[in-house]
Structures are given as C-alpha cells and as structure tokens.
Amino acid sequence: MFHQERHIDVLARINERHVLLVEDKTLTRYHDEQLTRYRNLVTEGKTLLCNVNTDEVFPMYFKTGNHSLRELEYA
C-alpha cells in the first residue's frame, strides 16, 4: 500500500534528477489547477523530495477508466 503525499497521486524521482508528478483521474475530471498546485508544492520544498528545480518537474494529467463518447467531447 502506498501513501499519497499532499494528495499527489504519483510523485517519483527518476535518475536522481527528474521528477514525475502524475494526477490520475478515474471518476472526475481535472479541476482546481491541481497540477499547478502540486508542482508548486514540489518546487517549494514542501514534499519529501526537497530541493527540486522547476525544470526538473514533469507534471502529467492521466485519465483512467471507462469513458463515454459524450464525456470525451467535453474533455
């Protein structure tokens, strides 16, 4: 079982330099500028990763689950 840090779905350091930040949506859609807020938390040193430069963070919005054609029209 994994614990989300600051509600970030996936936060991982890759090759000691790059940071992958993933927001996964299943039954909802992107809202409240989550990726921007999470990126700020990471670059301000408010996560366990500490000392992360802005150009090292790669945020990604990822939507999983079943999607109707109507829902895809509004994405």
N, C-alpha and C. Protein backbone atom coordinates (compact mmCIF):
# COMPACT_ATOMS: atom_id res chain seq x y z
N MET A 1 0.85 -1.18 0.00
CA MET A 1 0.00 0.00 0.00
C MET A 1 0.90 1.24 0.00
N PHE A 2 0.52 2.21 -0.80
CA PHE A 2 1.28 3.44 -0.89
C PHE A 2 0.51 4.59 -0.28
N HIS A 3 1.22 5.55 0.24
CA HIS A 3 0.63 6.73 0.84
C HIS A 3 0.83 7.91 -0.10
N GLN A 4 -0.25 8.65 -0.36
CA GLN A 4 -0.13 9.85 -1.19
C GLN A 4 0.44 10.97 -0.35
N GLU A 5 1.43 11.62 -0.88
CA GLU A 5 1.98 12.79 -0.20
C GLU A 5 1.30 14.04 -0.73
N ARG A 6 0.64 14.76 0.16
CA ARG A 6 -0.06 16.01 -0.21
C ARG A 6 -1.08 15.79 -1.32
N HIS A 7 -1.71 14.63 -1.34
CA HIS A 7 -2.75 14.25 -2.30
C HIS A 7 -2.24 14.06 -3.72
N ILE A 8 -0.93 14.02 -3.91
CA ILE A 8 -0.35 13.79 -5.23
C ILE A 8 -0.43 12.29 -5.52
N ASP A 9 -1.04 11.93 -6.65
CA ASP A 9 -1.23 10.50 -6.95
C ASP A 9 0.09 9.77 -7.14
N VAL A 10 0.97 10.32 -7.96
CA VAL A 10 2.29 9.72 -8.16
C VAL A 10 3.33 10.82 -8.13
N LEU A 11 4.33 10.65 -7.30
CA LEU A 11 5.44 11.59 -7.20
C LEU A 11 6.70 10.75 -7.10
N ALA A 12 7.52 10.80 -8.16
CA ALA A 12 8.69 9.92 -8.19
C ALA A 12 9.90 10.65 -8.77
N ARG A 13 11.04 10.41 -8.17
CA ARG A 13 12.30 10.93 -8.71
C ARG A 13 12.89 9.86 -9.62
N ILE A 14 13.31 10.29 -10.81
CA ILE A 14 13.85 9.38 -11.81
C ILE A 14 15.28 9.78 -12.11
N ASN A 15 16.19 8.83 -12.03
CA ASN A 15 17.62 9.07 -12.31
C ASN A 15 18.20 10.21 -11.48
N GLU A 16 17.73 10.34 -10.25
CA GLU A 16 18.23 11.33 -9.30
C GLU A 16 18.09 12.78 -9.75
N ARG A 17 17.43 13.02 -10.88
CA ARG A 17 17.30 14.40 -11.34
C ARG A 17 15.86 14.76 -11.67
N HIS A 18 15.21 13.99 -12.51
CA HIS A 18 13.87 14.32 -12.98
C HIS A 18 12.83 13.86 -11.98
N VAL A 19 11.74 14.62 -11.92
CA VAL A 19 10.65 14.29 -11.02
C VAL A 19 9.37 14.15 -11.83
N LEU A 20 8.73 13.01 -11.71
CA LEU A 20 7.48 12.75 -12.38
C LEU A 20 6.35 13.01 -11.40
N LEU A 21 5.41 13.84 -11.81
CA LEU A 21 4.27 14.19 -10.98
C LEU A 21 3.02 13.83 -11.79
N VAL A 22 2.22 12.90 -11.30
CA VAL A 22 1.06 12.42 -12.05
C VAL A 22 -0.21 12.64 -11.26
N GLU A 23 -1.20 13.22 -11.90
CA GLU A 23 -2.55 13.34 -11.35
C GLU A 23 -3.43 12.39 -12.15
N ASP A 24 -3.93 11.36 -11.49
CA ASP A 24 -4.76 10.34 -12.13
C ASP A 24 -6.22 10.59 -11.79
N LYS A 25 -7.04 10.70 -12.81
CA LYS A 25 -8.48 10.89 -12.61
C LYS A 25 -9.21 9.64 -13.06
N THR A 26 -10.15 9.17 -12.24
CA THR A 26 -10.93 8.00 -12.62
C THR A 26 -12.39 8.38 -12.84
N LEU A 27 -13.03 8.93 -11.87
CA LEU A 27 -14.45 9.27 -11.99
C LEU A 27 -14.70 10.77 -12.02
N THR A 28 -13.66 11.55 -12.03
CA THR A 28 -13.81 13.01 -12.08
C THR A 28 -12.93 13.56 -13.19
N ARG A 29 -12.99 14.86 -13.37
CA ARG A 29 -12.13 15.47 -14.37
C ARG A 29 -11.20 16.46 -13.69
N TYR A 30 -10.25 16.95 -14.44
CA TYR A 30 -9.27 17.90 -13.92
C TYR A 30 -9.98 19.13 -13.35
N HIS A 31 -9.56 19.57 -12.17
CA HIS A 31 -10.18 20.73 -11.54
C HIS A 31 -9.19 21.41 -10.61
N ASP A 32 -9.50 22.64 -10.28
CA ASP A 32 -8.75 23.41 -9.27
C ASP A 32 -7.25 23.55 -9.54
N GLU A 33 -6.85 23.49 -10.81
CA GLU A 33 -5.43 23.67 -11.14
C GLU A 33 -4.52 22.77 -10.30
N GLN A 34 -4.93 21.53 -10.14
CA GLN A 34 -4.19 20.60 -9.28
C GLN A 34 -2.72 20.45 -9.68
N LEU A 35 -2.45 20.28 -10.96
CA LEU A 35 -1.06 20.08 -11.38
C LEU A 35 -0.20 21.29 -11.05
N THR A 36 -0.74 22.47 -11.22
CA THR A 36 0.00 23.69 -10.88
C THR A 36 0.26 23.76 -9.38
N ARG A 37 -0.76 23.46 -8.59
CA ARG A 37 -0.58 23.49 -7.13
C ARG A 37 0.43 22.44 -6.67
N TYR A 38 0.34 21.24 -7.24
CA TYR A 38 1.25 20.17 -6.84
C TYR A 38 2.68 20.49 -7.28
N ARG A 39 2.83 21.04 -8.46
CA ARG A 39 4.17 21.42 -8.94
C ARG A 39 4.77 22.46 -8.00
N ASN A 40 3.97 23.42 -7.57
CA ASN A 40 4.45 24.43 -6.63
C ASN A 40 4.88 23.81 -5.31
N LEU A 41 4.12 22.86 -4.80
CA LEU A 41 4.50 22.18 -3.56
C LEU A 41 5.86 21.51 -3.69
N VAL A 42 6.08 20.88 -4.84
CA VAL A 42 7.33 20.16 -5.07
C VAL A 42 8.50 21.15 -5.19
N THR A 43 8.33 22.21 -5.96
CA THR A 43 9.44 23.15 -6.18
C THR A 43 9.69 24.05 -4.98
N GLU A 44 8.71 24.18 -4.09
CA GLU A 44 8.90 24.97 -2.87
C GLU A 44 9.47 24.14 -1.73
N GLY A 45 9.79 22.87 -2.01
CA GLY A 45 10.40 22.01 -1.00
C GLY A 45 9.44 21.50 0.05
N LYS A 46 8.15 21.44 -0.28
CA LYS A 46 7.14 21.02 0.70
C LYS A 46 6.76 19.55 0.56
N THR A 47 7.64 18.76 -0.08
CA THR A 47 7.44 17.32 -0.16
C THR A 47 8.72 16.63 0.32
N LEU A 48 8.68 15.33 0.41
CA LEU A 48 9.85 14.58 0.86
C LEU A 48 11.02 14.67 -0.12
N LEU A 49 10.75 15.06 -1.35
CA LEU A 49 11.83 15.14 -2.34
C LEU A 49 12.78 16.30 -2.10
N CYS A 50 12.28 17.38 -1.51
CA CYS A 50 13.10 18.58 -1.24
C CYS A 50 13.84 19.07 -2.49
N ASN A 51 14.35 20.26 -2.44
CA ASN A 51 15.25 20.85 -3.44
C ASN A 51 15.02 20.39 -4.88
N VAL A 52 13.88 20.68 -5.43
CA VAL A 52 13.58 20.32 -6.81
C VAL A 52 13.44 21.60 -7.63
N ASN A 53 14.20 21.70 -8.70
CA ASN A 53 14.12 22.84 -9.59
C ASN A 53 12.91 22.70 -10.51
N THR A 54 12.35 23.82 -10.90
CA THR A 54 11.16 23.82 -11.76
C THR A 54 11.38 23.03 -13.04
N ASP A 55 12.54 23.17 -13.66
CA ASP A 55 12.80 22.47 -14.93
C ASP A 55 13.03 20.97 -14.76
N GLU A 56 13.04 20.48 -13.54
CA GLU A 56 13.20 19.05 -13.29
C GLU A 56 11.86 18.33 -13.12
N VAL A 57 10.77 19.10 -13.00
CA VAL A 57 9.45 18.52 -12.73
C VAL A 57 8.67 18.34 -14.03
N PHE A 58 8.14 17.14 -14.21
CA PHE A 58 7.34 16.82 -15.39
C PHE A 58 5.95 16.40 -14.93
N PRO A 59 5.01 17.37 -14.91
CA PRO A 59 3.65 17.04 -14.49
C PRO A 59 2.86 16.37 -15.61
N MET A 60 1.98 15.45 -15.23
CA MET A 60 1.18 14.72 -16.21
C MET A 60 -0.22 14.50 -15.66
N TYR A 61 -1.21 14.83 -16.47
CA TYR A 61 -2.60 14.54 -16.17
C TYR A 61 -2.95 13.24 -16.87
N PHE A 62 -3.51 12.28 -16.15
CA PHE A 62 -3.76 10.96 -16.69
C PHE A 62 -5.18 10.56 -16.33
N LYS A 63 -5.98 10.18 -17.31
CA LYS A 63 -7.37 9.78 -17.04
C LYS A 63 -7.52 8.30 -17.34
N THR A 64 -7.96 7.54 -16.33
CA THR A 64 -8.15 6.10 -16.49
C THR A 64 -9.63 5.77 -16.32
N GLY A 65 -10.00 4.54 -16.67
CA GLY A 65 -11.37 4.09 -16.51
C GLY A 65 -12.13 4.14 -17.81
N ASN A 66 -13.41 3.82 -17.75
CA ASN A 66 -14.26 3.83 -18.93
C ASN A 66 -14.73 5.24 -19.22
N HIS A 67 -14.72 5.60 -20.50
CA HIS A 67 -15.13 6.94 -20.91
C HIS A 67 -16.20 6.84 -21.99
N SER A 68 -17.28 7.56 -21.80
CA SER A 68 -18.30 7.58 -22.84
C SER A 68 -17.88 8.58 -23.92
N LEU A 69 -18.45 8.44 -25.11
CA LEU A 69 -18.14 9.38 -26.19
C LEU A 69 -18.57 10.79 -25.80
N ARG A 70 -19.67 10.93 -25.10
CA ARG A 70 -20.15 12.24 -24.67
C ARG A 70 -19.13 12.91 -23.73
N GLU A 71 -18.59 12.14 -22.80
CA GLU A 71 -17.60 12.68 -21.87
C GLU A 71 -16.35 13.15 -22.62
N LEU A 72 -15.94 12.39 -23.61
CA LEU A 72 -14.74 12.75 -24.36
C LEU A 72 -14.92 14.04 -25.13
N GLU A 73 -16.16 14.38 -25.51
CA GLU A 73 -16.43 15.64 -26.22
C GLU A 73 -16.12 16.85 -25.33
N TYR A 74 -16.26 16.70 -24.02
CA TYR A 74 -16.06 17.81 -23.10
C TYR A 74 -14.70 17.84 -22.45
N ALA A 75 -13.88 16.88 -22.76
CA ALA A 75 -12.55 16.81 -22.12
C ALA A 75 -11.63 17.87 -22.65
